[in-house]
Amino acid sequence: MPVKVIDASAVAAILFGEPDADELVNRAQGHVLLAPMRLPVEVASVCVKKCRRHPLLHDRLLAAFGLLGRMREAVQASPRLLCVFASQR
């Protein structure tokens, strides 16, 4: 199965229902997804910023962030991901 790297902005777009979420999901299907180990922290930062900007959506945003645990089954965290990319340059 082909491998793709997914970053926090893509995961956040999917979790929080951004306009390009469907396209991102379609592009990821059929691939092994790799992500940096810090991905949950980065997505949490996005969630905090969204909660500050949209306080009325606080509960909905936190519920969406809670789905990150389910996504972890589909995304493999790779501590050596950055090293692999650095060695390919």
Protein backbone atom coordinates (compact mmCIF):
# COMPACT_ATOMS: atom_id res chain seq x y z
CA MET A 1 0.00 0.00 0.00
CA PRO A 2 1.42 3.45 -0.87
CA VAL A 3 2.50 5.74 1.95
CA LYS A 4 1.49 9.35 2.49
CA VAL A 5 2.45 11.80 5.19
CA ILE A 6 -0.38 13.64 6.87
CA ASP A 7 0.21 16.81 8.85
CA ALA A 8 -1.69 18.58 11.61
CA SER A 9 -3.41 21.02 9.27
CA ALA A 10 -4.93 18.18 7.26
CA VAL A 11 -6.02 16.27 10.37
CA ALA A 12 -7.49 19.43 11.90
CA ALA A 13 -9.37 20.20 8.69
CA ILE A 14 -10.93 16.74 8.78
CA LEU A 15 -11.74 16.79 12.51
CA PHE A 16 -13.21 20.28 12.52
CA GLY A 17 -15.14 19.94 9.27
CA GLU A 18 -13.26 22.49 7.21
CA PRO A 19 -14.43 22.98 3.61
CA ASP A 20 -11.63 20.83 2.15
CA ALA A 21 -12.14 17.92 4.59
CA ASP A 22 -13.86 15.63 2.07
CA GLU A 23 -11.12 16.15 -0.50
CA LEU A 24 -8.45 15.37 2.09
CA VAL A 25 -10.22 12.17 3.14
CA ASN A 26 -10.52 11.08 -0.50
CA ARG A 27 -6.84 11.76 -1.14
CA ALA A 28 -5.82 9.75 1.93
CA GLN A 29 -7.91 6.66 1.18
CA GLY A 30 -5.96 3.62 0.13
CA HIS A 31 -2.72 4.86 1.69
CA VAL A 32 -0.76 4.08 4.80
CA LEU A 33 -0.70 7.41 6.63
CA LEU A 34 2.35 8.54 8.56
CA ALA A 35 2.45 11.51 10.91
CA PRO A 36 5.01 13.11 13.19
CA MET A 37 4.78 12.08 16.86
CA ARG A 38 3.86 15.66 17.79
CA LEU A 39 0.68 15.60 15.67
CA PRO A 40 -1.75 15.40 18.66
CA VAL A 41 -0.10 18.44 20.28
CA GLU A 42 -0.33 20.43 17.05
CA VAL A 43 -4.00 19.51 16.56
CA ALA A 44 -4.68 20.45 20.19
CA SER A 45 -3.16 23.87 19.49
CA VAL A 46 -5.50 24.31 16.53
CA CYS A 47 -8.44 23.33 18.76
CA VAL A 48 -7.48 25.88 21.43
CA LYS A 49 -7.21 28.64 18.83
CA LYS A 50 -10.60 27.72 17.36
CA CYS A 51 -12.18 27.67 20.84
CA ARG A 52 -10.83 31.16 21.53
CA ARG A 53 -12.11 32.49 18.21
CA HIS A 54 -15.48 30.75 18.43
CA PRO A 55 -16.44 30.38 22.12
CA LEU A 56 -20.00 29.38 21.24
CA LEU A 57 -18.62 26.31 19.45
CA HIS A 58 -16.42 25.25 22.39
CA ASP A 59 -18.27 22.00 23.17
CA ARG A 60 -18.55 21.01 19.52
CA LEU A 61 -14.85 21.68 18.91
CA LEU A 62 -13.80 19.65 21.95
CA ALA A 63 -16.02 16.78 20.83
CA ALA A 64 -14.39 16.89 17.39
CA PHE A 65 -10.94 16.93 18.98
CA GLY A 66 -11.97 13.85 20.96
CA LEU A 67 -12.27 11.97 17.66
CA LEU A 68 -8.51 12.24 17.21
CA GLY A 69 -8.16 9.03 19.19
CA ARG A 70 -10.13 7.16 16.54
CA MET A 71 -7.98 8.64 13.79
CA ARG A 72 -4.86 7.37 15.53
CA GLU A 73 -5.84 3.86 14.44
CA ALA A 74 -5.56 4.98 10.81
CA VAL A 75 -2.46 7.15 11.20
CA GLN A 76 0.88 5.70 12.23
CA ALA A 77 3.04 8.04 14.28
CA SER A 78 6.61 7.96 13.14
CA PRO A 79 9.34 9.31 15.42
CA ARG A 80 11.88 8.91 12.63
CA LEU A 81 9.76 10.54 9.95
CA LEU A 82 11.75 13.76 9.89
CA CYS A 83 15.02 11.83 9.79
CA VAL A 84 13.81 9.88 6.76
CA PHE A 85 12.95 13.07 4.90
CA ALA A 86 16.22 14.71 5.86
CA SER A 87 18.19 11.75 4.52
CA GLN A 88 16.32 11.89 1.19
CA ARG A 89 17.29 15.49 0.47
